[in-house]
């Protein structure tokens, strides 16, 4: 789930909570590797800003605080696919 939250200065951020209750250790490592990659890409153009993250193993949840994007990438790709002519 992704929630819109406000920081102490009232800037809109995104709080992403990833339910890890069904995730095996390899999946958890994969999520953490993606976060590490995002950390390395900070400051590059077109990369969402990552503010903080935490893994709570006892709660089986991963929380990520990041810049609130205007567009969901999955929705954008679906819109592009649906607006392009079909190849038949």
PDB file of N, CA and C in Angstrom:
ATOM      1  N   UNK A   1       0.826  -1.180   0.000  1.00  0.00           N
ATOM      2  CA  UNK A   1       0.000   0.000   0.000  1.00  0.00           C
ATOM      3  C   UNK A   1       0.868   1.240   0.000  1.00  0.00           C
ATOM      4  N   UNK A   2       0.372   2.277  -0.615  1.00  0.00           N
ATOM      5  CA  UNK A   2       1.061   3.564  -0.642  1.00  0.00           C
ATOM      6  C   UNK A   2       0.121   4.614  -0.065  1.00  0.00           C
ATOM      7  N   UNK A   3       0.650   5.372   0.882  1.00  0.00           N
ATOM      8  CA  UNK A   3      -0.118   6.425   1.530  1.00  0.00           C
ATOM      9  C   UNK A   3       0.535   7.766   1.244  1.00  0.00           C
ATOM     10  N   UNK A   4      -0.283   8.791   1.104  1.00  0.00           N
ATOM     11  CA  UNK A   4       0.239  10.152   1.021  1.00  0.00           C
ATOM     12  C   UNK A   4       0.293  10.684   2.444  1.00  0.00           C
ATOM     13  N   UNK A   5       1.465  11.204   2.823  1.00  0.00           N
ATOM     14  CA  UNK A   5       1.672  11.718   4.180  1.00  0.00           C
ATOM     15  C   UNK A   5       2.337  13.092   4.091  1.00  0.00           C
ATOM     16  N   UNK A   6       2.254  13.852   5.181  1.00  0.00           N
ATOM     17  CA  UNK A   6       2.898  15.151   5.250  1.00  0.00           C
ATOM     18  C   UNK A   6       4.087  15.077   6.191  1.00  0.00           C
ATOM     19  N   UNK A   7       5.193  15.725   5.803  1.00  0.00           N
ATOM     20  CA  UNK A   7       6.330  15.816   6.717  1.00  0.00           C
ATOM     21  C   UNK A   7       6.110  16.991   7.666  1.00  0.00           C
ATOM     22  N   UNK A   8       7.076  17.269   8.530  1.00  0.00           N
ATOM     23  CA  UNK A   8       6.917  18.318   9.523  1.00  0.00           C
ATOM     24  C   UNK A   8       6.773  19.703   8.906  1.00  0.00           C
ATOM     25  N   UNK A   9       7.217  19.873   7.648  1.00  0.00           N
ATOM     26  CA  UNK A   9       7.073  21.153   6.954  1.00  0.00           C
ATOM     27  C   UNK A   9       5.862  21.164   6.014  1.00  0.00           C
ATOM     28  N   UNK A  10       5.010  20.161   6.133  1.00  0.00           N
ATOM     29  CA  UNK A  10       3.773  20.031   5.354  1.00  0.00           C
ATOM     30  C   UNK A  10       4.016  19.779   3.863  1.00  0.00           C
ATOM     31  N   UNK A  11       5.135  19.123   3.539  1.00  0.00           N
ATOM     32  CA  UNK A  11       5.382  18.682   2.166  1.00  0.00           C
ATOM     33  C   UNK A  11       4.781  17.292   2.003  1.00  0.00           C
ATOM     34  N   UNK A  12       4.157  17.061   0.864  1.00  0.00           N
ATOM     35  CA  UNK A  12       3.543  15.768   0.585  1.00  0.00           C
ATOM     36  C   UNK A  12       4.617  14.735   0.240  1.00  0.00           C
ATOM     37  N   UNK A  13       4.583  13.595   0.923  1.00  0.00           N
ATOM     38  CA  UNK A  13       5.487  12.481   0.667  1.00  0.00           C
ATOM     39  C   UNK A  13       4.662  11.215   0.476  1.00  0.00           C
ATOM     40  N   UNK A  14       5.305  10.189  -0.003  1.00  0.00           N
ATOM     41  CA  UNK A  14       4.657   8.884  -0.149  1.00  0.00           C
ATOM     42  C   UNK A  14       5.270   7.925   0.871  1.00  0.00           C
ATOM     43  N   UNK A  15       4.409   7.240   1.593  1.00  0.00           N
ATOM     44  CA  UNK A  15       4.833   6.191   2.518  1.00  0.00           C
ATOM     45  C   UNK A  15       4.362   4.875   1.933  1.00  0.00           C
ATOM     46  N   UNK A  16       5.306   4.051   1.530  1.00  0.00           N
ATOM     47  CA  UNK A  16       4.978   2.757   0.941  1.00  0.00           C
ATOM     48  C   UNK A  16       5.220   1.682   1.992  1.00  0.00           C
ATOM     49  N   UNK A  17       4.192   0.888   2.255  1.00  0.00           N
ATOM     50  CA  UNK A  17       4.319  -0.235   3.175  1.00  0.00           C
ATOM     51  C   UNK A  17       4.203  -1.527   2.378  1.00  0.00           C
ATOM     52  N   UNK A  18       5.214  -2.353   2.485  1.00  0.00           N
ATOM     53  CA  UNK A  18       5.247  -3.628   1.772  1.00  0.00           C
ATOM     54  C   UNK A  18       5.007  -4.739   2.786  1.00  0.00           C
ATOM     55  N   UNK A  19       3.929  -5.487   2.593  1.00  0.00           N
ATOM     56  CA  UNK A  19       3.595  -6.613   3.466  1.00  0.00           C
ATOM     57  C   UNK A  19       4.508  -7.780   3.112  1.00  0.00           C
ATOM     58  N   UNK A  20       5.315  -8.192   4.083  1.00  0.00           N
ATOM     59  CA  UNK A  20       6.265  -9.277   3.857  1.00  0.00           C
ATOM     60  C   UNK A  20       5.810 -10.587   4.493  1.00  0.00           C
ATOM     61  N   UNK A  21       4.540 -10.669   4.901  1.00  0.00           N
ATOM     62  CA  UNK A  21       4.078 -11.857   5.617  1.00  0.00           C
ATOM     63  C   UNK A  21       4.183 -13.121   4.774  1.00  0.00           C
ATOM     64  N   UNK A  22       4.098 -13.000   3.453  1.00  0.00           N
ATOM     65  CA  UNK A  22       4.215 -14.176   2.581  1.00  0.00           C
ATOM     66  C   UNK A  22       5.546 -14.218   1.832  1.00  0.00           C
ATOM     67  N   UNK A  23       6.449 -13.292   2.167  1.00  0.00           N
ATOM     68  CA  UNK A  23       7.720 -13.199   1.435  1.00  0.00           C
ATOM     69  C   UNK A  23       8.763 -14.120   2.061  1.00  0.00           C
ATOM     70  N   UNK A  24       9.480 -14.826   1.201  1.00  0.00           N
ATOM     71  CA  UNK A  24      10.584 -15.657   1.694  1.00  0.00           C
ATOM     72  C   UNK A  24      11.836 -14.772   1.819  1.00  0.00           C
ATOM     73  N   UNK A  25      12.893 -15.267   2.449  1.00  0.00           N
ATOM     74  CA  UNK A  25      14.110 -14.451   2.634  1.00  0.00           C
ATOM     75  C   UNK A  25      14.689 -13.905   1.328  1.00  0.00           C
ATOM     76  N   UNK A  26      14.583 -14.653   0.243  1.00  0.00           N
ATOM     77  CA  UNK A  26      15.105 -14.173  -1.044  1.00  0.00           C
ATOM     78  C   UNK A  26      14.316 -12.963  -1.528  1.00  0.00           C
ATOM     79  N   UNK A  27      13.014 -12.960  -1.331  1.00  0.00           N
ATOM     80  CA  UNK A  27      12.183 -11.817  -1.739  1.00  0.00           C
ATOM     81  C   UNK A  27      12.520 -10.590  -0.903  1.00  0.00           C
ATOM     82  N   UNK A  28      12.734 -10.777   0.384  1.00  0.00           N
ATOM     83  CA  UNK A  28      13.107  -9.659   1.263  1.00  0.00           C
ATOM     84  C   UNK A  28      14.446  -9.082   0.811  1.00  0.00           C
ATOM     85  N   UNK A  29      15.408  -9.931   0.486  1.00  0.00           N
ATOM     86  CA  UNK A  29      16.709  -9.462  -0.011  1.00  0.00           C
ATOM     87  C   UNK A  29      16.533  -8.679  -1.312  1.00  0.00           C
ATOM     88  N   UNK A  30      15.637  -9.147  -2.165  1.00  0.00           N
ATOM     89  CA  UNK A  30      15.388  -8.469  -3.435  1.00  0.00           C
ATOM     90  C   UNK A  30      14.840  -7.059  -3.198  1.00  0.00           C
ATOM     91  N   UNK A  31      13.893  -6.921  -2.269  1.00  0.00           N
ATOM     92  CA  UNK A  31      13.362  -5.594  -1.938  1.00  0.00           C
ATOM     93  C   UNK A  31      14.474  -4.692  -1.421  1.00  0.00           C
ATOM     94  N   UNK A  32      15.312  -5.221  -0.544  1.00  0.00           N
ATOM     95  CA  UNK A  32      16.404  -4.423   0.013  1.00  0.00           C
ATOM     96  C   UNK A  32      17.425  -4.049  -1.057  1.00  0.00           C
ATOM     97  N   UNK A  33      17.673  -4.943  -2.019  1.00  0.00           N
ATOM     98  CA  UNK A  33      18.583  -4.626  -3.127  1.00  0.00           C
ATOM     99  C   UNK A  33      18.022  -3.502  -3.990  1.00  0.00           C
ATOM    100  N   UNK A  34      16.705  -3.499  -4.212  1.00  0.00           N
ATOM    101  CA  UNK A  34      16.077  -2.423  -4.982  1.00  0.00           C
ATOM    102  C   UNK A  34      16.236  -1.093  -4.259  1.00  0.00           C
ATOM    103  N   UNK A  35      16.086  -1.107  -2.938  1.00  0.00           N
ATOM    104  CA  UNK A  35      16.268   0.121  -2.158  1.00  0.00           C
ATOM    105  C   UNK A  35      17.718   0.589  -2.253  1.00  0.00           C
ATOM    106  N   UNK A  36      18.667  -0.335  -2.154  1.00  0.00           N
ATOM    107  CA  UNK A  36      20.085   0.020  -2.266  1.00  0.00           C
ATOM    108  C   UNK A  36      20.384   0.651  -3.623  1.00  0.00           C
ATOM    109  N   UNK A  37      19.796   0.104  -4.673  1.00  0.00           N
ATOM    110  CA  UNK A  37      19.979   0.673  -6.009  1.00  0.00           C
ATOM    111  C   UNK A  37      19.382   2.073  -6.075  1.00  0.00           C
ATOM    112  N   UNK A  38      18.197   2.256  -5.511  1.00  0.00           N
ATOM    113  CA  UNK A  38      17.576   3.578  -5.491  1.00  0.00           C
ATOM    114  C   UNK A  38      18.445   4.569  -4.718  1.00  0.00           C
ATOM    115  N   UNK A  39      19.049   4.122  -3.628  1.00  0.00           N
ATOM    116  CA  UNK A  39      19.953   4.989  -2.861  1.00  0.00           C
ATOM    117  C   UNK A  39      21.141   5.428  -3.717  1.00  0.00           C
ATOM    118  N   UNK A  40      21.699   4.513  -4.509  1.00  0.00           N
ATOM    119  CA  UNK A  40      22.846   4.843  -5.370  1.00  0.00           C
ATOM    120  C   UNK A  40      22.464   5.828  -6.478  1.00  0.00           C
ATOM    121  N   UNK A  41      21.201   5.785  -6.906  1.00  0.00           N
ATOM    122  CA  UNK A  41      20.751   6.637  -8.002  1.00  0.00           C
ATOM    123  C   UNK A  41      20.253   8.005  -7.550  1.00  0.00           C
ATOM    124  N   UNK A  42      20.261   8.252  -6.248  1.00  0.00           N
ATOM    125  CA  UNK A  42      19.784   9.539  -5.745  1.00  0.00           C
ATOM    126  C   UNK A  42      20.563  10.684  -6.379  1.00  0.00           C
ATOM    127  N   UNK A  43      19.836  11.720  -6.758  1.00  0.00           N
ATOM    128  CA  UNK A  43      20.460  12.885  -7.389  1.00  0.00           C
ATOM    129  C   UNK A  43      20.467  12.831  -8.899  1.00  0.00           C
ATOM    130  N   UNK A  44      20.173  11.656  -9.458  1.00  0.00           N
ATOM    131  CA  UNK A  44      20.104  11.529 -10.919  1.00  0.00           C
ATOM    132  C   UNK A  44      18.758  12.071 -11.408  1.00  0.00           C
ATOM    133  N   UNK A  45      18.734  12.593 -12.641  1.00  0.00           N
ATOM    134  CA  UNK A  45      17.457  13.088 -13.177  1.00  0.00           C
ATOM    135  C   UNK A  45      16.428  11.959 -13.284  1.00  0.00           C
ATOM    136  N   UNK A  46      15.193  12.296 -13.046  1.00  0.00           N
ATOM    137  CA  UNK A  46      14.047  11.391 -13.210  1.00  0.00           C
ATOM    138  C   UNK A  46      14.014  10.255 -12.182  1.00  0.00           C
ATOM    139  N   UNK A  47      14.749  10.395 -11.098  1.00  0.00           N
ATOM    140  CA  UNK A  47      14.749   9.384 -10.051  1.00  0.00           C
ATOM    141  C   UNK A  47      14.024   9.948  -8.835  1.00  0.00           C
ATOM    142  N   UNK A  48      13.039   9.203  -8.343  1.00  0.00           N
ATOM    143  CA  UNK A  48      12.278   9.603  -7.156  1.00  0.00           C
ATOM    144  C   UNK A  48      13.234   9.720  -5.976  1.00  0.00           C
ATOM    145  N   UNK A  49      13.049  10.755  -5.176  1.00  0.00           N
ATOM    146  CA  UNK A  49      13.901  10.946  -4.000  1.00  0.00           C
ATOM    147  C   UNK A  49      13.474  10.003  -2.874  1.00  0.00           C
ATOM    148  N   UNK A  50      14.428   9.308  -2.327  1.00  0.00           N
ATOM    149  CA  UNK A  50      14.215   8.400  -1.203  1.00  0.00           C
ATOM    150  C   UNK A  50      14.633   9.129   0.067  1.00  0.00           C
ATOM    151  N   UNK A  51      13.706   9.261   1.006  1.00  0.00           N
ATOM    152  CA  UNK A  51      14.005   9.966   2.254  1.00  0.00           C
ATOM    153  C   UNK A  51      14.478   9.013   3.342  1.00  0.00           C
ATOM    154  N   UNK A  52      13.820   7.879   3.472  1.00  0.00           N
ATOM    155  CA  UNK A  52      14.174   6.945   4.530  1.00  0.00           C
ATOM    156  C   UNK A  52      13.462   5.622   4.277  1.00  0.00           C
ATOM    157  N   UNK A  53      13.942   4.591   4.955  1.00  0.00           N
ATOM    158  CA  UNK A  53      13.266   3.295   4.886  1.00  0.00           C
ATOM    159  C   UNK A  53      13.600   2.509   6.143  1.00  0.00           C
ATOM    160  N   UNK A  54      12.743   1.542   6.434  1.00  0.00           N
ATOM    161  CA  UNK A  54      12.985   0.659   7.569  1.00  0.00           C
ATOM    162  C   UNK A  54      12.390  -0.709   7.294  1.00  0.00           C
ATOM    163  N   UNK A  55      13.061  -1.712   7.824  1.00  0.00           N
ATOM    164  CA  UNK A  55      12.558  -3.083   7.759  1.00  0.00           C
ATOM    165  C   UNK A  55      12.252  -3.503   9.182  1.00  0.00           C
ATOM    166  N   UNK A  56      11.015  -3.887   9.421  1.00  0.00           N
ATOM    167  CA  UNK A  56      10.590  -4.342  10.743  1.00  0.00           C
ATOM    168  C   UNK A  56      10.309  -5.844  10.647  1.00  0.00           C
ATOM    169  N   UNK A  57      11.326  -6.679  10.861  1.00  0.00           N
ATOM    170  CA  UNK A  57      11.135  -8.126  10.689  1.00  0.00           C
ATOM    171  C   UNK A  57      10.040  -8.706  11.596  1.00  0.00           C
ATOM    172  N   UNK A  58       9.938  -8.216  12.832  1.00  0.00           N
ATOM    173  CA  UNK A  58       8.936  -8.755  13.739  1.00  0.00           C
ATOM    174  C   UNK A  58       7.513  -8.424  13.280  1.00  0.00           C
ATOM    175  N   UNK A  59       7.341  -7.305  12.569  1.00  0.00           N
ATOM    176  CA  UNK A  59       6.035  -6.936  12.014  1.00  0.00           C
ATOM    177  C   UNK A  59       5.841  -7.487  10.603  1.00  0.00           C
ATOM    178  N   UNK A  60       6.915  -8.013  10.008  1.00  0.00           N
ATOM    179  CA  UNK A  60       6.890  -8.520   8.624  1.00  0.00           C
ATOM    180  C   UNK A  60       6.448  -7.424   7.653  1.00  0.00           C
ATOM    181  N   UNK A  61       7.086  -6.243   7.810  1.00  0.00           N
ATOM    182  CA  UNK A  61       6.748  -5.108   6.951  1.00  0.00           C
ATOM    183  C   UNK A  61       8.017  -4.320   6.611  1.00  0.00           C
ATOM    184  N   UNK A  62       8.001  -3.739   5.413  1.00  0.00           N
ATOM    185  CA  UNK A  62       9.054  -2.847   4.936  1.00  0.00           C
ATOM    186  C   UNK A  62       8.377  -1.513   4.656  1.00  0.00           C
ATOM    187  N   UNK A  63       8.910  -0.439   5.211  1.00  0.00           N
ATOM    188  CA  UNK A  63       8.345   0.895   4.995  1.00  0.00           C
ATOM    189  C   UNK A  63       9.372   1.768   4.291  1.00  0.00           C
ATOM    190  N   UNK A  64       8.889   2.508   3.287  1.00  0.00           N
ATOM    191  CA  UNK A  64       9.756   3.366   2.494  1.00  0.00           C
ATOM    192  C   UNK A  64       9.101   4.741   2.397  1.00  0.00           C
ATOM    193  N   UNK A  65       9.853   5.784   2.743  1.00  0.00           N
ATOM    194  CA  UNK A  65       9.363   7.156   2.619  1.00  0.00           C
ATOM    195  C   UNK A  65      10.092   7.784   1.441  1.00  0.00           C
ATOM    196  N   UNK A  66       9.305   8.263   0.474  1.00  0.00           N
ATOM    197  CA  UNK A  66       9.902   8.818  -0.738  1.00  0.00           C
ATOM    198  C   UNK A  66       9.101  10.004  -1.247  1.00  0.00           C
ATOM    199  N   UNK A  67       9.682  10.666  -2.210  1.00  0.00           N
ATOM    200  CA  UNK A  67       9.006  11.762  -2.890  1.00  0.00           C
ATOM    201  C   UNK A  67       7.684  11.253  -3.442  1.00  0.00           C
ATOM    202  N   UNK A  68       6.674  12.075  -3.348  1.00  0.00           N
ATOM    203  CA  UNK A  68       5.363  11.694  -3.855  1.00  0.00           C
ATOM    204  C   UNK A  68       5.308  12.003  -5.348  1.00  0.00           C
ATOM    205  N   UNK A  69       5.268  10.963  -6.169  1.00  0.00           N
ATOM    206  CA  UNK A  69       5.214  11.153  -7.615  1.00  0.00           C
ATOM    207  C   UNK A  69       3.815  11.531  -8.066  1.00  0.00           C
ATOM    208  N   UNK A  70       3.734  12.253  -9.159  1.00  0.00           N
ATOM    209  CA  UNK A  70       2.440  12.665  -9.688  1.00  0.00           C
ATOM    210  C   UNK A  70       1.763  11.548 -10.459  1.00  0.00           C
ATOM    211  N   UNK A  71       2.562  10.608 -10.969  1.00  0.00           N
ATOM    212  CA  UNK A  71       2.017   9.564 -11.834  1.00  0.00           C
ATOM    213  C   UNK A  71       2.519   8.210 -11.361  1.00  0.00           C
ATOM    214  N   UNK A  72       1.634   7.254 -11.310  1.00  0.00           N
ATOM    215  CA  UNK A  72       1.992   5.870 -11.007  1.00  0.00           C
ATOM    216  C   UNK A  72       2.535   5.250 -12.289  1.00  0.00           C
ATOM    217  N   UNK A  73       3.749   4.695 -12.237  1.00  0.00           N
ATOM    218  CA  UNK A  73       4.397   4.163 -13.431  1.00  0.00           C
ATOM    219  C   UNK A  73       3.560   3.076 -14.090  1.00  0.00           C
ATOM    220  N   UNK A  74       3.004   2.174 -13.318  1.00  0.00           N
ATOM    221  CA  UNK A  74       2.197   1.094 -13.896  1.00  0.00           C
ATOM    222  C   UNK A  74       0.991   1.659 -14.648  1.00  0.00           C
ATOM    223  N   UNK A  75       0.324   2.640 -14.053  1.00  0.00           N
ATOM    224  CA  UNK A  75      -0.839   3.253 -14.728  1.00  0.00           C
ATOM    225  C   UNK A  75      -0.412   3.971 -15.993  1.00  0.00           C
ATOM    226  N   UNK A  76       0.748   4.647 -15.939  1.00  0.00           N
ATOM    227  CA  UNK A  76       1.238   5.352 -17.116  1.00  0.00           C
ATOM    228  C   UNK A  76       1.519   4.375 -18.252  1.00  0.00           C
ATOM    229  N   UNK A  77       2.143   3.239 -17.948  1.00  0.00           N
ATOM    230  CA  UNK A  77       2.443   2.243 -18.976  1.00  0.00           C
ATOM    231  C   UNK A  77       1.168   1.649 -19.563  1.00  0.00           C
ATOM    232  N   UNK A  78       0.162   1.418 -18.726  1.00  0.00           N
ATOM    233  CA  UNK A  78      -1.124   0.908 -19.226  1.00  0.00           C
ATOM    234  C   UNK A  78      -1.767   1.925 -20.158  1.00  0.00           C
ATOM    235  N   UNK A  79      -1.725   3.220 -19.771  1.00  0.00           N
ATOM    236  CA  UNK A  79      -2.296   4.257 -20.625  1.00  0.00           C
ATOM    237  C   UNK A  79      -1.579   4.345 -21.965  1.00  0.00           C
ATOM    238  N   UNK A  80      -0.260   4.219 -21.946  1.00  0.00           N
ATOM    239  CA  UNK A  80       0.507   4.254 -23.199  1.00  0.00           C
ATOM    240  C   UNK A  80       0.144   3.051 -24.058  1.00  0.00           C
ATOM    241  N   UNK A  81       0.065   1.885 -23.438  1.00  0.00           N
ATOM    242  CA  UNK A  81      -0.295   0.669 -24.177  1.00  0.00           C
ATOM    243  C   UNK A  81      -1.689   0.789 -24.794  1.00  0.00           C
ATOM    244  N   UNK A  82      -2.629   1.288 -23.997  1.00  0.00           N
ATOM    245  CA  UNK A  82      -4.015   1.380 -24.470  1.00  0.00           C
ATOM    246  C   UNK A  82      -4.204   2.446 -25.534  1.00  0.00           C
ATOM    247  N   UNK A  83      -3.343   3.453 -25.556  1.00  0.00           N
ATOM    248  CA  UNK A  83      -3.495   4.522 -26.545  1.00  0.00           C
ATOM    249  C   UNK A  83      -2.744   4.247 -27.844  1.00  0.00           C
ATOM    250  N   UNK A  84      -1.871   3.233 -27.840  1.00  0.00           N
ATOM    251  CA  UNK A  84      -1.119   2.934 -29.062  1.00  0.00           C
ATOM    252  C   UNK A  84      -1.923   1.989 -29.947  1.00  0.00           C
ATOM    253  N   UNK A  85      -1.739   2.072 -31.280  1.00  0.00           N
ATOM    254  CA  UNK A  85      -2.460   1.171 -32.190  1.00  0.00           C
ATOM    255  C   UNK A  85      -2.028  -0.279 -31.981  1.00  0.00           C
ATOM    256  N   UNK A  86      -2.975  -1.188 -32.124  1.00  0.00           N
ATOM    257  CA  UNK A  86      -2.674  -2.608 -31.968  1.00  0.00           C
ATOM    258  C   UNK A  86      -1.874  -3.118 -33.159  1.00  0.00           C
ATOM    259  N   UNK A  87      -0.894  -3.954 -32.862  1.00  0.00           N
ATOM    260  CA  UNK A  87      -0.110  -4.591 -33.926  1.00  0.00           C
ATOM    261  C   UNK A  87      -0.803  -5.875 -34.310  1.00  0.00           C
ATOM    262  N   UNK A  88      -1.442  -5.888 -35.449  1.00  0.00           N
ATOM    263  CA  UNK A  88      -2.115  -7.120 -35.884  1.00  0.00           C
ATOM    264  C   UNK A  88      -1.773  -7.439 -37.308  1.00  0.00           C
TER     265      UNK A  88
END
